[in-house]
Amino acid sequence: MDKTVKKLAIGLLVLVILCPLGLLAIGETFGEWSNEEMQEKLGFVPPGLESLSSLWSAPLPDYALPGSGDTMTMAAAAYILSAVIGVVLCGGFLYLIGKKLARD
């Protein structure tokens, strides 16, 4: 494994492990607002956002595993799983694009 790739992998692993630190934060996550919360905070919901809001629903809403309890351990595991899924999907997508561009 190349030295740069190894450093990148270690950095990503550290970030994945640190993801549950977000559970310690007070309040809500900036930018992850529902239409109702946006209406409350901003006084309006942009029309484009309102029309597209029903198009997508998160596979792991609120970073929680279905049927898991409300314990901090389960919440931390769900955060880490969400991070791992995100890293694998984004990394795989970028890998495929890189392979395609290298071929051309």
PDB file of N, CA and C in Angstrom:
ATOM      1  N   MET A   1       0.842  -1.173   0.000  1.00  0.00           N
ATOM      2  CA  MET A   1       0.000   0.000   0.000  1.00  0.00           C
ATOM      3  C   MET A   1       0.891   1.241   0.000  1.00  0.00           C
ATOM      4  N   ASP A   2       0.557   2.170  -0.854  1.00  0.00           N
ATOM      5  CA  ASP A   2       1.288   3.424  -0.965  1.00  0.00           C
ATOM      6  C   ASP A   2       1.232   4.192   0.360  1.00  0.00           C
ATOM      7  N   LYS A   3       2.294   4.929   0.680  1.00  0.00           N
ATOM      8  CA  LYS A   3       2.367   5.655   1.948  1.00  0.00           C
ATOM      9  C   LYS A   3       1.246   6.684   2.079  1.00  0.00           C
ATOM     10  N   THR A   4       0.923   7.372   0.995  1.00  0.00           N
ATOM     11  CA  THR A   4      -0.138   8.383   1.021  1.00  0.00           C
ATOM     12  C   THR A   4      -1.491   7.738   1.256  1.00  0.00           C
ATOM     13  N   VAL A   5      -1.753   6.619   0.590  1.00  0.00           N
ATOM     14  CA  VAL A   5      -3.023   5.910   0.761  1.00  0.00           C
ATOM     15  C   VAL A   5      -3.137   5.373   2.183  1.00  0.00           C
ATOM     16  N   LYS A   6      -2.041   4.907   2.721  1.00  0.00           N
ATOM     17  CA  LYS A   6      -2.048   4.389   4.091  1.00  0.00           C
ATOM     18  C   LYS A   6      -2.377   5.511   5.080  1.00  0.00           C
ATOM     19  N   LYS A   7      -1.787   6.690   4.908  1.00  0.00           N
ATOM     20  CA  LYS A   7      -2.077   7.830   5.784  1.00  0.00           C
ATOM     21  C   LYS A   7      -3.536   8.247   5.647  1.00  0.00           C
ATOM     22  N   LEU A   8      -4.054   8.241   4.429  1.00  0.00           N
ATOM     23  CA  LEU A   8      -5.454   8.587   4.207  1.00  0.00           C
ATOM     24  C   LEU A   8      -6.375   7.581   4.896  1.00  0.00           C
ATOM     25  N   ALA A   9      -6.065   6.298   4.779  1.00  0.00           N
ATOM     26  CA  ALA A   9      -6.881   5.261   5.412  1.00  0.00           C
ATOM     27  C   ALA A   9      -6.865   5.402   6.933  1.00  0.00           C
ATOM     28  N   ILE A  10      -5.711   5.696   7.503  1.00  0.00           N
ATOM     29  CA  ILE A  10      -5.609   5.878   8.952  1.00  0.00           C
ATOM     30  C   ILE A  10      -6.417   7.108   9.383  1.00  0.00           C
ATOM     31  N   GLY A  11      -6.321   8.190   8.616  1.00  0.00           N
ATOM     32  CA  GLY A  11      -7.094   9.397   8.922  1.00  0.00           C
ATOM     33  C   GLY A  11      -8.591   9.146   8.868  1.00  0.00           C
ATOM     34  N   LEU A  12      -9.049   8.430   7.859  1.00  0.00           N
ATOM     35  CA  LEU A  12     -10.467   8.097   7.752  1.00  0.00           C
ATOM     36  C   LEU A  12     -10.913   7.209   8.906  1.00  0.00           C
ATOM     37  N   LEU A  13     -10.088   6.254   9.277  1.00  0.00           N
ATOM     38  CA  LEU A  13     -10.415   5.373  10.398  1.00  0.00           C
ATOM     39  C   LEU A  13     -10.557   6.156  11.697  1.00  0.00           C
ATOM     40  N   VAL A  14      -9.662   7.100  11.925  1.00  0.00           N
ATOM     41  CA  VAL A  14      -9.745   7.938  13.129  1.00  0.00           C
ATOM     42  C   VAL A  14     -11.041   8.749  13.109  1.00  0.00           C
ATOM     43  N   LEU A  15     -11.377   9.328  11.956  1.00  0.00           N
ATOM     44  CA  LEU A  15     -12.610  10.108  11.858  1.00  0.00           C
ATOM     45  C   LEU A  15     -13.847   9.242  12.085  1.00  0.00           C
ATOM     46  N   VAL A  16     -13.842   8.028  11.561  1.00  0.00           N
ATOM     47  CA  VAL A  16     -14.972   7.113  11.764  1.00  0.00           C
ATOM     48  C   VAL A  16     -15.126   6.785  13.245  1.00  0.00           C
ATOM     49  N   ILE A  17     -14.017   6.538  13.910  1.00  0.00           N
ATOM     50  CA  ILE A  17     -14.068   6.200  15.334  1.00  0.00           C
ATOM     51  C   ILE A  17     -14.543   7.397  16.165  1.00  0.00           C
ATOM     52  N   LEU A  18     -14.212   8.610  15.731  1.00  0.00           N
ATOM     53  CA  LEU A  18     -14.595   9.811  16.477  1.00  0.00           C
ATOM     54  C   LEU A  18     -16.016  10.287  16.172  1.00  0.00           C
ATOM     55  N   CYS A  19     -16.689   9.676  15.212  1.00  0.00           N
ATOM     56  CA  CYS A  19     -18.055  10.094  14.855  1.00  0.00           C
ATOM     57  C   CYS A  19     -19.017  10.166  16.027  1.00  0.00           C
ATOM     58  N   PRO A  20     -19.022   9.228  16.943  1.00  0.00           N
ATOM     59  CA  PRO A  20     -19.985   9.304  18.050  1.00  0.00           C
ATOM     60  C   PRO A  20     -19.810  10.516  18.962  1.00  0.00           C
ATOM     61  N   LEU A  21     -18.738  11.284  18.816  1.00  0.00           N
ATOM     62  CA  LEU A  21     -18.590  12.494  19.624  1.00  0.00           C
ATOM     63  C   LEU A  21     -19.744  13.461  19.376  1.00  0.00           C
ATOM     64  N   GLY A  22     -20.376  13.360  18.208  1.00  0.00           N
ATOM     65  CA  GLY A  22     -21.529  14.197  17.905  1.00  0.00           C
ATOM     66  C   GLY A  22     -22.689  13.950  18.850  1.00  0.00           C
ATOM     67  N   LEU A  23     -22.722  12.792  19.478  1.00  0.00           N
ATOM     68  CA  LEU A  23     -23.783  12.488  20.440  1.00  0.00           C
ATOM     69  C   LEU A  23     -23.675  13.330  21.709  1.00  0.00           C
ATOM     70  N   LEU A  24     -22.496  13.848  21.973  1.00  0.00           N
ATOM     71  CA  LEU A  24     -22.286  14.647  23.168  1.00  0.00           C
ATOM     72  C   LEU A  24     -22.717  16.102  22.977  1.00  0.00           C
ATOM     73  N   ALA A  25     -22.931  16.494  21.726  1.00  0.00           N
ATOM     74  CA  ALA A  25     -23.297  17.880  21.432  1.00  0.00           C
ATOM     75  C   ALA A  25     -24.701  18.189  21.942  1.00  0.00           C
ATOM     76  N   ILE A  26     -24.872  19.421  22.344  1.00  0.00           N
ATOM     77  CA  ILE A  26     -26.174  19.874  22.825  1.00  0.00           C
ATOM     78  C   ILE A  26     -26.900  20.537  21.665  1.00  0.00           C
ATOM     79  N   GLY A  27     -28.185  20.303  21.572  1.00  0.00           N
ATOM     80  CA  GLY A  27     -28.971  20.930  20.507  1.00  0.00           C
ATOM     81  C   GLY A  27     -29.096  20.016  19.303  1.00  0.00           C
ATOM     82  N   GLU A  28     -29.383  20.634  18.187  1.00  0.00           N
ATOM     83  CA  GLU A  28     -29.603  19.859  16.972  1.00  0.00           C
ATOM     84  C   GLU A  28     -28.478  20.086  15.973  1.00  0.00           C
ATOM     85  N   THR A  29     -28.433  19.230  14.992  1.00  0.00           N
ATOM     86  CA  THR A  29     -27.399  19.307  13.981  1.00  0.00           C
ATOM     87  C   THR A  29     -27.743  20.387  12.967  1.00  0.00           C
ATOM     88  N   PHE A  30     -26.787  21.256  12.684  1.00  0.00           N
ATOM     89  CA  PHE A  30     -27.006  22.340  11.731  1.00  0.00           C
ATOM     90  C   PHE A  30     -27.221  21.760  10.327  1.00  0.00           C
ATOM     91  N   GLY A  31     -28.261  22.216   9.670  1.00  0.00           N
ATOM     92  CA  GLY A  31     -28.504  21.838   8.283  1.00  0.00           C
ATOM     93  C   GLY A  31     -29.266  20.547   8.090  1.00  0.00           C
ATOM     94  N   GLU A  32     -29.556  19.820   9.133  1.00  0.00           N
ATOM     95  CA  GLU A  32     -30.320  18.579   9.009  1.00  0.00           C
ATOM     96  C   GLU A  32     -31.745  18.809   9.487  1.00  0.00           C
ATOM     97  N   TRP A  33     -32.344  19.870   8.988  1.00  0.00           N
ATOM     98  CA  TRP A  33     -33.666  20.270   9.438  1.00  0.00           C
ATOM     99  C   TRP A  33     -34.750  19.703   8.545  1.00  0.00           C
ATOM    100  N   SER A  34     -35.858  19.350   9.154  1.00  0.00           N
ATOM    101  CA  SER A  34     -37.047  18.963   8.390  1.00  0.00           C
ATOM    102  C   SER A  34     -37.714  20.246   7.884  1.00  0.00           C
ATOM    103  N   ASN A  35     -38.709  20.090   7.034  1.00  0.00           N
ATOM    104  CA  ASN A  35     -39.435  21.261   6.539  1.00  0.00           C
ATOM    105  C   ASN A  35     -40.054  22.047   7.687  1.00  0.00           C
ATOM    106  N   GLU A  36     -40.572  21.335   8.681  1.00  0.00           N
ATOM    107  CA  GLU A  36     -41.201  22.002   9.817  1.00  0.00           C
ATOM    108  C   GLU A  36     -40.184  22.816  10.621  1.00  0.00           C
ATOM    109  N   GLU A  37     -39.000  22.228  10.844  1.00  0.00           N
ATOM    110  CA  GLU A  37     -37.961  22.947  11.590  1.00  0.00           C
ATOM    111  C   GLU A  37     -37.461  24.154  10.803  1.00  0.00           C
ATOM    112  N   MET A  38     -37.352  24.004   9.478  1.00  0.00           N
ATOM    113  CA  MET A  38     -36.909  25.117   8.646  1.00  0.00           C
ATOM    114  C   MET A  38     -37.937  26.251   8.667  1.00  0.00           C
ATOM    115  N   GLN A  39     -39.207  25.895   8.630  1.00  0.00           N
ATOM    116  CA  GLN A  39     -40.274  26.893   8.712  1.00  0.00           C
ATOM    117  C   GLN A  39     -40.177  27.657  10.033  1.00  0.00           C
ATOM    118  N   GLU A  40     -39.898  26.913  11.103  1.00  0.00           N
ATOM    119  CA  GLU A  40     -39.799  27.525  12.428  1.00  0.00           C
ATOM    120  C   GLU A  40     -38.586  28.452  12.536  1.00  0.00           C
ATOM    121  N   LYS A  41     -37.442  28.023  11.983  1.00  0.00           N
ATOM    122  CA  LYS A  41     -36.202  28.785  12.125  1.00  0.00           C
ATOM    123  C   LYS A  41     -36.103  29.954  11.145  1.00  0.00           C
ATOM    124  N   LEU A  42     -36.468  29.702   9.884  1.00  0.00           N
ATOM    125  CA  LEU A  42     -36.292  30.710   8.845  1.00  0.00           C
ATOM    126  C   LEU A  42     -37.559  31.498   8.534  1.00  0.00           C
ATOM    127  N   GLY A  43     -38.688  30.940   8.885  1.00  0.00           N
ATOM    128  CA  GLY A  43     -39.948  31.602   8.576  1.00  0.00           C
ATOM    129  C   GLY A  43     -40.534  31.193   7.228  1.00  0.00           C
ATOM    130  N   PHE A  44     -39.811  30.386   6.469  1.00  0.00           N
ATOM    131  CA  PHE A  44     -40.301  29.894   5.180  1.00  0.00           C
ATOM    132  C   PHE A  44     -39.527  28.643   4.790  1.00  0.00           C
ATOM    133  N   VAL A  45     -40.059  27.914   3.842  1.00  0.00           N
ATOM    134  CA  VAL A  45     -39.378  26.754   3.274  1.00  0.00           C
ATOM    135  C   VAL A  45     -39.222  27.038   1.780  1.00  0.00           C
ATOM    136  N   PRO A  46     -38.000  26.991   1.249  1.00  0.00           N
ATOM    137  CA  PRO A  46     -37.827  27.237  -0.179  1.00  0.00           C
ATOM    138  C   PRO A  46     -38.705  26.287  -1.003  1.00  0.00           C
ATOM    139  N   PRO A  47     -39.397  26.812  -2.024  1.00  0.00           N
ATOM    140  CA  PRO A  47     -40.339  25.981  -2.787  1.00  0.00           C
ATOM    141  C   PRO A  47     -39.699  24.741  -3.410  1.00  0.00           C
ATOM    142  N   GLY A  48     -38.486  24.875  -3.926  1.00  0.00           N
ATOM    143  CA  GLY A  48     -37.810  23.722  -4.531  1.00  0.00           C
ATOM    144  C   GLY A  48     -37.525  22.631  -3.519  1.00  0.00           C
ATOM    145  N   LEU A  49     -37.113  23.039  -2.345  1.00  0.00           N
ATOM    146  CA  LEU A  49     -36.833  22.072  -1.283  1.00  0.00           C
ATOM    147  C   LEU A  49     -38.109  21.392  -0.823  1.00  0.00           C
ATOM    148  N   GLU A  50     -39.169  22.165  -0.721  1.00  0.00           N
ATOM    149  CA  GLU A  50     -40.447  21.608  -0.283  1.00  0.00           C
ATOM    150  C   GLU A  50     -40.966  20.573  -1.274  1.00  0.00           C
ATOM    151  N   SER A  51     -40.810  20.846  -2.577  1.00  0.00           N
ATOM    152  CA  SER A  51     -41.321  19.907  -3.583  1.00  0.00           C
ATOM    153  C   SER A  51     -40.466  18.646  -3.676  1.00  0.00           C
ATOM    154  N   LEU A  52     -39.188  18.741  -3.321  1.00  0.00           N
ATOM    155  CA  LEU A  52     -38.291  17.579  -3.421  1.00  0.00           C
ATOM    156  C   LEU A  52     -38.135  16.814  -2.113  1.00  0.00           C
ATOM    157  N   SER A  53     -38.699  17.314  -1.021  1.00  0.00           N
ATOM    158  CA  SER A  53     -38.461  16.705   0.287  1.00  0.00           C
ATOM    159  C   SER A  53     -39.001  15.286   0.405  1.00  0.00           C
ATOM    160  N   SER A  54     -40.018  14.943  -0.342  1.00  0.00           N
ATOM    161  CA  SER A  54     -40.567  13.589  -0.254  1.00  0.00           C
ATOM    162  C   SER A  54     -39.867  12.617  -1.206  1.00  0.00           C
ATOM    163  N   LEU A  55     -38.921  13.107  -1.989  1.00  0.00           N
ATOM    164  CA  LEU A  55     -38.233  12.271  -2.972  1.00  0.00           C
ATOM    165  C   LEU A  55     -37.264  11.280  -2.329  1.00  0.00           C
ATOM    166  N   TRP A  56     -36.665  11.647  -1.206  1.00  0.00           N
ATOM    167  CA  TRP A  56     -35.615  10.823  -0.587  1.00  0.00           C
ATOM    168  C   TRP A  56     -35.873  10.685   0.908  1.00  0.00           C
ATOM    169  N   SER A  57     -35.681   9.484   1.399  1.00  0.00           N
ATOM    170  CA  SER A  57     -35.690   9.291   2.848  1.00  0.00           C
ATOM    171  C   SER A  57     -34.413   8.533   3.214  1.00  0.00           C
ATOM    172  N   ALA A  58     -33.832   8.883   4.309  1.00  0.00           N
ATOM    173  CA  ALA A  58     -32.545   8.320   4.714  1.00  0.00           C
ATOM    174  C   ALA A  58     -32.669   6.838   5.040  1.00  0.00           C
ATOM    175  N   PRO A  59     -31.676   6.033   4.646  1.00  0.00           N
ATOM    176  CA  PRO A  59     -31.707   4.602   4.974  1.00  0.00           C
ATOM    177  C   PRO A  59     -31.600   4.353   6.477  1.00  0.00           C
ATOM    178  N   LEU A  60     -30.866   5.189   7.187  1.00  0.00           N
ATOM    179  CA  LEU A  60     -30.750   5.089   8.644  1.00  0.00           C
ATOM    180  C   LEU A  60     -31.173   6.439   9.235  1.00  0.00           C
ATOM    181  N   PRO A  61     -32.488   6.697   9.330  1.00  0.00           N
ATOM    182  CA  PRO A  61     -32.935   7.997   9.847  1.00  0.00           C
ATOM    183  C   PRO A  61     -32.397   8.270  11.249  1.00  0.00           C
ATOM    184  N   ASP A  62     -31.938   9.481  11.453  1.00  0.00           N
ATOM    185  CA  ASP A  62     -31.359   9.907  12.735  1.00  0.00           C
ATOM    186  C   ASP A  62     -30.164   9.043  13.138  1.00  0.00           C
ATOM    187  N   TYR A  63     -29.523   8.419  12.190  1.00  0.00           N
ATOM    188  CA  TYR A  63     -28.358   7.559  12.439  1.00  0.00           C
ATOM    189  C   TYR A  63     -28.672   6.454  13.436  1.00  0.00           C
ATOM    190  N   ALA A  64     -29.867   5.948  13.421  1.00  0.00           N
ATOM    191  CA  ALA A  64     -30.285   4.930  14.389  1.00  0.00           C
ATOM    192  C   ALA A  64     -30.595   3.624  13.671  1.00  0.00           C
ATOM    193  N   LEU A  65     -30.256   2.522  14.314  1.00  0.00           N
ATOM    194  CA  LEU A  65     -30.574   1.206  13.774  1.00  0.00           C
ATOM    195  C   LEU A  65     -32.010   0.858  14.150  1.00  0.00           C
ATOM    196  N   PRO A  66     -32.783   0.339  13.206  1.00  0.00           N
ATOM    197  CA  PRO A  66     -34.168  -0.021  13.528  1.00  0.00           C
ATOM    198  C   PRO A  66     -34.211  -1.084  14.630  1.00  0.00           C
ATOM    199  N   GLY A  67     -35.060  -0.884  15.601  1.00  0.00           N
ATOM    200  CA  GLY A  67     -35.225  -1.852  16.674  1.00  0.00           C
ATOM    201  C   GLY A  67     -34.191  -1.794  17.768  1.00  0.00           C
ATOM    202  N   SER A  68     -33.209  -0.909  17.632  1.00  0.00           N
ATOM    203  CA  SER A  68     -32.205  -0.817  18.692  1.00  0.00           C
ATOM    204  C   SER A  68     -32.722   0.085  19.799  1.00  0.00           C
ATOM    205  N   GLY A  69     -32.220  -0.100  20.966  1.00  0.00           N
ATOM    206  CA  GLY A  69     -32.657   0.694  22.111  1.00  0.00           C
ATOM    207  C   GLY A  69     -32.116   2.106  22.059  1.00  0.00           C
ATOM    208  N   ASP A  70     -32.407   2.848  23.108  1.00  0.00           N
ATOM    209  CA  ASP A  70     -31.958   4.232  23.190  1.00  0.00           C
ATOM    210  C   ASP A  70     -30.670   4.375  23.996  1.00  0.00           C
ATOM    211  N   THR A  71     -29.903   3.310  24.105  1.00  0.00           N
ATOM    212  CA  THR A  71     -28.680   3.389  24.891  1.00  0.00           C
ATOM    213  C   THR A  71     -27.596   4.127  24.110  1.00  0.00           C
ATOM    214  N   MET A  72     -26.681   4.700  24.839  1.00  0.00           N
ATOM    215  CA  MET A  72     -25.569   5.428  24.220  1.00  0.00           C
ATOM    216  C   MET A  72     -24.688   4.483  23.400  1.00  0.00           C
ATOM    217  N   THR A  73     -24.536   3.247  23.855  1.00  0.00           N
ATOM    218  CA  THR A  73     -23.722   2.266  23.131  1.00  0.00           C
ATOM    219  C   THR A  73     -24.322   1.954  21.765  1.00  0.00           C
ATOM    220  N   MET A  74     -25.636   1.743  21.722  1.00  0.00           N
ATOM    221  CA  MET A  74     -26.289   1.448  20.438  1.00  0.00           C
ATOM    222  C   MET A  74     -26.252   2.662  19.521  1.00  0.00           C
ATOM    223  N   ALA A  75     -26.419   3.848  20.086  1.00  0.00           N
ATOM    224  CA  ALA A  75     -26.356   5.067  19.280  1.00  0.00           C
ATOM    225  C   ALA A  75     -24.959   5.258  18.702  1.00  0.00           C
ATOM    226  N   ALA A  76     -23.924   4.998  19.505  1.00  0.00           N
ATOM    227  CA  ALA A  76     -22.546   5.116  19.028  1.00  0.00           C
ATOM    228  C   ALA A  76     -22.271   4.089  17.933  1.00  0.00           C
ATOM    229  N   ALA A  77     -22.764   2.867  18.099  1.00  0.00           N
ATOM    230  CA  ALA A  77     -22.581   1.832  17.078  1.00  0.00           C
ATOM    231  C   ALA A  77     -23.269   2.234  15.773  1.00  0.00           C
ATOM    232  N   ALA A  78     -24.449   2.825  15.882  1.00  0.00           N
ATOM    233  CA  ALA A  78     -25.171   3.265  14.686  1.00  0.00           C
ATOM    234  C   ALA A  78     -24.431   4.404  13.993  1.00  0.00           C
ATOM    235  N   TYR A  79     -23.852   5.332  14.752  1.00  0.00           N
ATOM    236  CA  TYR A  79     -23.069   6.422  14.165  1.00  0.00           C
ATOM    237  C   TYR A  79     -21.861   5.860  13.425  1.00  0.00           C
ATOM    238  N   ILE A  80     -21.170   4.920  14.043  1.00  0.00           N
ATOM    239  CA  ILE A  80     -19.990   4.327  13.409  1.00  0.00           C
ATOM    240  C   ILE A  80     -20.397   3.563  12.155  1.00  0.00           C
ATOM    241  N   LEU A  81     -21.493   2.804  12.220  1.00  0.00           N
ATOM    242  CA  LEU A  81     -21.972   2.074  11.043  1.00  0.00           C
ATOM    243  C   LEU A  81     -22.331   3.038   9.921  1.00  0.00           C
ATOM    244  N   SER A  82     -22.984   4.140  10.244  1.00  0.00           N
ATOM    245  CA  SER A  82     -23.328   5.147   9.238  1.00  0.00           C
ATOM    246  C   SER A  82     -22.062   5.717   8.591  1.00  0.00           C
ATOM    247  N   ALA A  83     -21.047   5.980   9.409  1.00  0.00           N
ATOM    248  CA  ALA A  83     -19.789   6.511   8.885  1.00  0.00           C
ATOM    249  C   ALA A  83     -19.099   5.500   7.974  1.00  0.00           C
ATOM    250  N   VAL A  84     -19.082   4.238   8.382  1.00  0.00           N
ATOM    251  CA  VAL A  84     -18.450   3.194   7.571  1.00  0.00           C
ATOM    252  C   VAL A  84     -19.184   3.053   6.225  1.00  0.00           C
ATOM    253  N   ILE A  85     -20.501   3.058   6.261  1.00  0.00           N
ATOM    254  CA  ILE A  85     -21.280   2.951   5.020  1.00  0.00           C
ATOM    255  C   ILE A  85     -20.971   4.139   4.108  1.00  0.00           C
ATOM    256  N   GLY A  86     -20.924   5.341   4.685  1.00  0.00           N
ATOM    257  CA  GLY A  86     -20.625   6.525   3.895  1.00  0.00           C
ATOM    258  C   GLY A  86     -19.237   6.481   3.276  1.00  0.00           C
ATOM    259  N   VAL A  87     -18.243   6.061   4.045  1.00  0.00           N
ATOM    260  CA  VAL A  87     -16.868   5.980   3.541  1.00  0.00           C
ATOM    261  C   VAL A  87     -16.771   4.934   2.436  1.00  0.00           C
ATOM    262  N   VAL A  88     -17.413   3.785   2.623  1.00  0.00           N
ATOM    263  CA  VAL A  88     -17.354   2.723   1.612  1.00  0.00           C
ATOM    264  C   VAL A  88     -18.054   3.162   0.323  1.00  0.00           C
ATOM    265  N   LEU A  89     -19.236   3.765   0.443  1.00  0.00           N
ATOM    266  CA  LEU A  89     -19.953   4.213  -0.754  1.00  0.00           C
ATOM    267  C   LEU A  89     -19.201   5.314  -1.495  1.00  0.00           C
ATOM    268  N   CYS A  90     -18.742   6.321  -0.763  1.00  0.00           N
ATOM    269  CA  CYS A  90     -18.009   7.415  -1.416  1.00  0.00           C
ATOM    270  C   CYS A  90     -16.672   6.935  -1.976  1.00  0.00           C
ATOM    271  N   GLY A  91     -15.958   6.135  -1.197  1.00  0.00           N
ATOM    272  CA  GLY A  91     -14.679   5.608  -1.674  1.00  0.00           C
ATOM    273  C   GLY A  91     -14.840   4.723  -2.893  1.00  0.00           C
ATOM    274  N   GLY A  92     -15.850   3.869  -2.882  1.00  0.00           N
ATOM    275  CA  GLY A  92     -16.107   3.004  -4.039  1.00  0.00           C
ATOM    276  C   GLY A  92     -16.482   3.799  -5.277  1.00  0.00           C
ATOM    277  N   PHE A  93     -17.308   4.817  -5.092  1.00  0.00           N
ATOM    278  CA  PHE A  93     -17.710   5.675  -6.205  1.00  0.00           C
ATOM    279  C   PHE A  93     -16.497   6.401  -6.789  1.00  0.00           C
ATOM    280  N   LEU A  94     -15.664   6.968  -5.921  1.00  0.00           N
ATOM    281  CA  LEU A  94     -14.466   7.661  -6.402  1.00  0.00           C
ATOM    282  C   LEU A  94     -13.477   6.696  -7.049  1.00  0.00           C
ATOM    283  N   TYR A  95     -13.385   5.498  -6.532  1.00  0.00           N
ATOM    284  CA  TYR A  95     -12.504   4.489  -7.129  1.00  0.00           C
ATOM    285  C   TYR A  95     -12.955   4.153  -8.548  1.00  0.00           C
ATOM    286  N   LEU A  96     -14.271   3.946  -8.716  1.00  0.00           N
ATOM    287  CA  LEU A  96     -14.794   3.629 -10.045  1.00  0.00           C
ATOM    288  C   LEU A  96     -14.592   4.779 -11.027  1.00  0.00           C
ATOM    289  N   ILE A  97     -14.800   6.001 -10.568  1.00  0.00           N
ATOM    290  CA  ILE A  97     -14.573   7.161 -11.442  1.00  0.00           C
ATOM    291  C   ILE A  97     -13.089   7.257 -11.804  1.00  0.00           C
ATOM    292  N   GLY A  98     -12.202   7.043 -10.828  1.00  0.00           N
ATOM    293  CA  GLY A  98     -10.775   7.074 -11.096  1.00  0.00           C
ATOM    294  C   GLY A  98     -10.348   6.026 -12.108  1.00  0.00           C
ATOM    295  N   LYS A  99     -10.894   4.829 -11.989  1.00  0.00           N
ATOM    296  CA  LYS A  99     -10.577   3.757 -12.946  1.00  0.00           C
ATOM    297  C   LYS A  99     -11.051   4.134 -14.348  1.00  0.00           C
ATOM    298  N   LYS A 100     -12.246   4.698 -14.432  1.00  0.00           N
ATOM    299  CA  LYS A 100     -12.792   5.085 -15.730  1.00  0.00           C
ATOM    300  C   LYS A 100     -11.954   6.201 -16.345  1.00  0.00           C
ATOM    301  N   LEU A 101     -11.578   7.181 -15.552  1.00  0.00           N
ATOM    302  CA  LEU A 101     -10.775   8.294 -16.081  1.00  0.00           C
ATOM    303  C   LEU A 101      -9.376   7.832 -16.475  1.00  0.00           C
ATOM    304  N   ALA A 102      -8.821   6.882 -15.731  1.00  0.00           N
ATOM    305  CA  ALA A 102      -7.482   6.368 -16.044  1.00  0.00           C
ATOM    306  C   ALA A 102      -7.492   5.571 -17.341  1.00  0.00           C
ATOM    307  N   ARG A 103      -8.624   4.960 -17.648  1.00  0.00           N
ATOM    308  CA  ARG A 103      -8.756   4.178 -18.876  1.00  0.00           C
ATOM    309  C   ARG A 103      -8.810   5.072 -20.110  1.00  0.00           C
ATOM    310  N   ASP A 104      -9.458   6.226 -19.958  1.00  0.00           N
ATOM    311  CA  ASP A 104      -9.648   7.134 -21.105  1.00  0.00           C
ATOM    312  C   ASP A 104      -8.406   7.884 -21.469  1.00  0.00           C
TER     313      ASP A 104
END
